[in-house]
N, C-alpha and C. Protein backbone atom coordinates (compact mmCIF):
# COMPACT_ATOMS: atom_id res chain seq x y z
N UNK A 1 117.89 19.24 34.00
CA UNK A 1 116.81 20.15 33.59
C UNK A 1 117.51 21.27 32.34
N UNK A 2 118.86 21.17 33.11
CA UNK A 2 119.42 22.15 31.22
C UNK A 2 119.50 21.35 30.57
N UNK A 3 120.51 19.90 31.54
CA UNK A 3 121.39 19.10 30.28
C UNK A 3 119.75 18.36 29.24
N UNK A 4 119.26 18.23 29.47
CA UNK A 4 118.47 17.33 28.90
C UNK A 4 117.28 18.69 27.68
N UNK A 5 116.75 19.90 27.88
CA UNK A 5 117.02 20.64 27.22
C UNK A 5 117.63 20.74 26.17
N UNK A 6 118.83 21.33 25.94
CA UNK A 6 119.93 21.10 25.06
C UNK A 6 120.11 20.47 24.74
N UNK A 7 120.18 18.87 24.24
CA UNK A 7 120.18 17.24 24.20
C UNK A 7 118.87 18.00 23.17
N UNK A 8 118.06 17.74 23.59
CA UNK A 8 116.50 18.20 22.90
C UNK A 8 116.77 19.16 22.05
N UNK A 9 117.35 20.32 22.44
CA UNK A 9 117.10 21.46 21.11
C UNK A 9 118.39 21.56 19.76
N UNK A 10 119.51 20.63 20.35
CA UNK A 10 120.48 19.80 19.79
C UNK A 10 119.88 19.21 18.94
N UNK A 11 119.06 18.28 18.89
CA UNK A 11 118.13 17.16 18.08
C UNK A 11 117.25 17.72 17.76
N UNK A 12 116.45 19.08 17.23
CA UNK A 12 115.36 18.79 16.79
C UNK A 12 116.55 20.19 16.02
N UNK A 13 117.21 20.65 16.25
CA UNK A 13 118.14 20.78 15.13
C UNK A 13 118.29 20.05 13.78
N UNK A 14 119.38 19.64 14.07
CA UNK A 14 119.81 18.66 13.32
C UNK A 14 119.21 17.87 12.76
N UNK A 15 117.77 17.78 13.42
CA UNK A 15 116.49 16.99 12.35
C UNK A 15 116.34 17.90 11.08
N UNK A 16 116.46 19.29 12.15
CA UNK A 16 115.76 20.84 11.18
C UNK A 16 116.98 20.46 10.46
N UNK A 17 118.45 20.54 10.00
CA UNK A 17 119.00 21.08 9.50
C UNK A 17 119.78 19.39 8.62
N UNK A 18 118.54 18.05 8.51
CA UNK A 18 118.73 17.27 7.74
C UNK A 18 117.47 17.18 6.83
N UNK A 19 116.75 17.43 7.89
CA UNK A 19 115.18 18.23 6.38
C UNK A 19 115.63 18.30 4.99
N UNK A 20 115.90 19.57 5.50
CA UNK A 20 116.48 21.13 4.92
C UNK A 20 117.18 20.84 4.28
N UNK A 21 118.29 19.49 3.62
CA UNK A 21 119.19 19.21 3.39
C UNK A 21 118.36 17.61 2.26
N UNK A 22 117.67 17.56 2.58
CA UNK A 22 117.15 16.02 1.83
C UNK A 22 115.80 17.43 1.06
N UNK A 23 115.31 18.27 2.04
CA UNK A 23 114.12 19.03 1.08
C UNK A 23 115.15 19.60 0.17
N UNK A 24 115.97 20.05 0.11
CA UNK A 24 117.43 21.05 -1.14
C UNK A 24 117.08 20.04 -2.23
N UNK A 25 117.47 19.06 -1.20
CA UNK A 25 117.82 17.34 -3.23
C UNK A 25 117.17 17.64 -3.50
N UNK A 26 115.63 17.19 -2.86
CA UNK A 26 113.95 16.87 -3.82
C UNK A 26 113.96 17.66 -4.85
N UNK A 27 113.39 18.77 -4.17
CA UNK A 27 113.63 20.58 -5.33
C UNK A 27 113.93 20.47 -6.38
N UNK A 28 116.27 20.59 -5.95
CA UNK A 28 116.64 20.56 -7.05
C UNK A 28 116.27 19.83 -8.22
N UNK A 29 116.77 18.32 -6.91
CA UNK A 29 116.32 17.31 -8.82
C UNK A 29 114.05 17.62 -9.37
N UNK A 30 113.67 17.64 -8.57
CA UNK A 30 112.60 18.15 -9.64
C UNK A 30 112.62 19.75 -10.69
N UNK A 31 113.77 20.56 -10.26
CA UNK A 31 113.73 21.95 -10.94
C UNK A 31 114.48 21.27 -12.53
N UNK A 32 115.36 20.21 -12.09
CA UNK A 32 116.90 20.02 -12.78
C UNK A 32 115.70 19.07 -13.90
N UNK A 33 114.61 18.08 -13.68
CA UNK A 33 113.55 17.47 -14.33
C UNK A 33 113.44 18.21 -15.06
N UNK A 34 112.19 19.73 -14.60
CA UNK A 34 111.46 20.35 -15.57
C UNK A 34 112.05 21.13 -15.96
N UNK A 35 113.37 21.67 -15.70
CA UNK A 35 114.48 22.63 -17.03
C UNK A 35 114.57 21.71 -17.77
N UNK A 36 115.00 20.69 -18.06
CA UNK A 36 114.81 19.34 -19.27
C UNK A 36 113.83 19.38 -19.82
N UNK A 37 113.21 18.86 -19.44
CA UNK A 37 111.44 18.94 -20.38
C UNK A 37 111.43 20.26 -20.96
N UNK A 38 111.56 20.88 -20.03
CA UNK A 38 111.31 22.82 -21.35
C UNK A 38 112.42 22.95 -22.23
N UNK A 39 113.92 22.43 -21.86
CA UNK A 39 114.10 22.50 -22.89
C UNK A 39 114.64 21.55 -24.04
N UNK A 40 113.58 20.90 -23.67
CA UNK A 40 114.34 19.15 -24.78
C UNK A 40 112.55 20.03 -25.97
N UNK A 41 111.06 20.20 -25.57
CA UNK A 41 110.09 20.91 -26.03
C UNK A 41 110.33 22.00 -27.00
N UNK A 42 111.56 23.46 -26.59
CA UNK A 42 112.04 24.30 -26.56
C UNK A 42 113.02 23.37 -27.57
N UNK A 43 112.99 22.98 -27.76
CA UNK A 43 114.03 22.57 -28.85
C UNK A 43 113.80 22.25 -30.49
N UNK A 44 112.71 20.96 -30.28
CA UNK A 44 112.00 20.75 -30.67
C UNK A 44 110.88 21.34 -31.47
N UNK A 45 111.26 22.77 -31.30
CA UNK A 45 110.32 24.39 -32.34
C UNK A 45 111.21 24.97 -32.59
N UNK A 46 112.32 25.23 -32.77
CA UNK A 46 113.73 25.44 -32.95
C UNK A 46 113.97 24.46 -34.32
N UNK A 47 113.95 24.27 -35.06
CA UNK A 47 114.70 23.47 -36.80
C UNK A 47 114.86 24.30 -37.46
N UNK A 48 115.99 24.53 -37.83
CA UNK A 48 116.29 25.37 -39.43
C UNK A 48 114.81 24.66 -40.64
N UNK A 49 115.33 26.29 -41.32
CA UNK A 49 114.14 26.05 -42.28
C UNK A 49 114.19 25.51 -43.54
N UNK A 50 115.78 24.56 -44.16
CA UNK A 50 115.69 23.71 -44.49
C UNK A 50 115.36 21.86 -43.49
N UNK A 51 116.17 21.81 -42.63
CA UNK A 51 115.30 21.01 -41.74
C UNK A 51 113.71 21.20 -41.57
N UNK A 52 113.21 22.38 -41.82
CA UNK A 52 111.53 22.81 -42.02
C UNK A 52 111.60 21.50 -43.43
N UNK A 53 111.38 22.36 -43.97
CA UNK A 53 111.14 22.40 -45.58
C UNK A 53 111.23 21.22 -45.81
N UNK A 54 111.99 20.04 -45.47
CA UNK A 54 112.66 18.96 -45.61
C UNK A 54 111.45 17.88 -45.73
N UNK A 55 111.33 18.41 -44.16
CA UNK A 55 110.10 17.97 -43.79
C UNK A 55 109.01 17.57 -44.54
N UNK A 56 108.76 18.57 -44.90
CA UNK A 56 107.58 19.35 -45.60
C UNK A 56 107.58 18.83 -46.60
N UNK A 57 109.07 18.60 -47.57
CA UNK A 57 108.62 17.55 -48.62
C UNK A 57 107.80 16.01 -48.68
N UNK A 58 108.76 15.26 -47.57
CA UNK A 58 108.11 14.28 -47.62
C UNK A 58 106.62 13.95 -46.64
N UNK A 59 106.72 14.96 -46.34
CA UNK A 59 104.24 15.10 -46.27
C UNK A 59 104.48 15.54 -47.72
N UNK A 60 104.28 16.18 -48.27
CA UNK A 60 103.88 16.71 -49.97
C UNK A 60 104.30 14.95 -50.27
N UNK A 61 105.27 14.67 -50.72
CA UNK A 61 105.44 12.83 -51.58
C UNK A 61 104.84 12.47 -50.66
N UNK A 62 104.46 11.92 -49.31
CA UNK A 62 102.82 10.81 -48.89
C UNK A 62 102.11 11.02 -49.30
N UNK A 63 101.65 12.24 -49.16
CA UNK A 63 100.71 12.57 -49.83
C UNK A 63 100.14 12.35 -51.02
N UNK A 64 101.13 12.58 -52.30
CA UNK A 64 101.10 12.97 -53.24
C UNK A 64 100.73 11.37 -54.39
N UNK A 65 101.75 10.76 -53.55
CA UNK A 65 101.17 9.16 -52.95
C UNK A 65 100.68 8.19 -53.09
N UNK A 66 99.62 9.12 -51.74
CA UNK A 66 98.20 8.40 -51.44
C UNK A 66 97.85 8.54 -52.33
N UNK A 67 97.39 10.23 -53.65
CA UNK A 67 96.83 10.43 -53.95
C UNK A 67 96.78 9.53 -55.09
N UNK A 68 98.32 8.88 -55.07
CA UNK A 68 97.93 8.18 -57.31
C UNK A 68 97.73 7.17 -56.27
N UNK A 69 97.07 5.91 -55.17
CA UNK A 69 97.10 5.33 -55.01
C UNK A 69 95.91 5.57 -54.91
N UNK A 70 94.95 6.13 -54.79
CA UNK A 70 93.70 6.54 -54.77
C UNK A 70 93.06 6.78 -56.80
N UNK A 71 93.91 6.93 -56.95
CA UNK A 71 93.62 7.42 -58.33
C UNK A 71 93.40 6.55 -58.68
N UNK A 72 94.57 5.53 -58.61
CA UNK A 72 94.55 4.30 -59.73
C UNK A 72 93.81 3.25 -58.56
N UNK A 73 93.10 3.38 -58.19
CA UNK A 73 91.57 1.91 -57.46
C UNK A 73 90.91 2.35 -57.80
N UNK A 74 90.40 3.80 -58.26
CA UNK A 74 88.93 4.44 -58.70
C UNK A 74 89.43 4.34 -59.95
N UNK A 75 89.89 4.40 -60.50
CA UNK A 75 90.22 3.52 -62.08
C UNK A 75 90.29 2.69 -62.45
N UNK A 76 90.94 1.92 -61.90
CA UNK A 76 90.46 -0.10 -62.59
C UNK A 76 88.71 -0.68 -61.62
N UNK A 77 88.81 0.43 -60.73
CA UNK A 77 87.01 0.21 -60.62
C UNK A 77 86.42 0.49 -60.79
N UNK A 78 86.32 1.22 -62.51
CA UNK A 78 84.83 2.05 -63.89
C UNK A 78 85.17 1.34 -64.35
């Protein structure tokens, strides 16, 4: 009876160790994915001032072109 008990206890601890390693691997992978996602979000918000102004200039130019096109259509219609 003592031998079977030792076999069962050692099997239990071997299974617990394997489950612990697998759990650590999955948690580590989840942690790295979350960290990368947050890093990508933060990196997108830290543009230099030149990049921000360049982006705004492009938007302003597009809006001005749209306004000119609408004005030209309104002039032609009248």
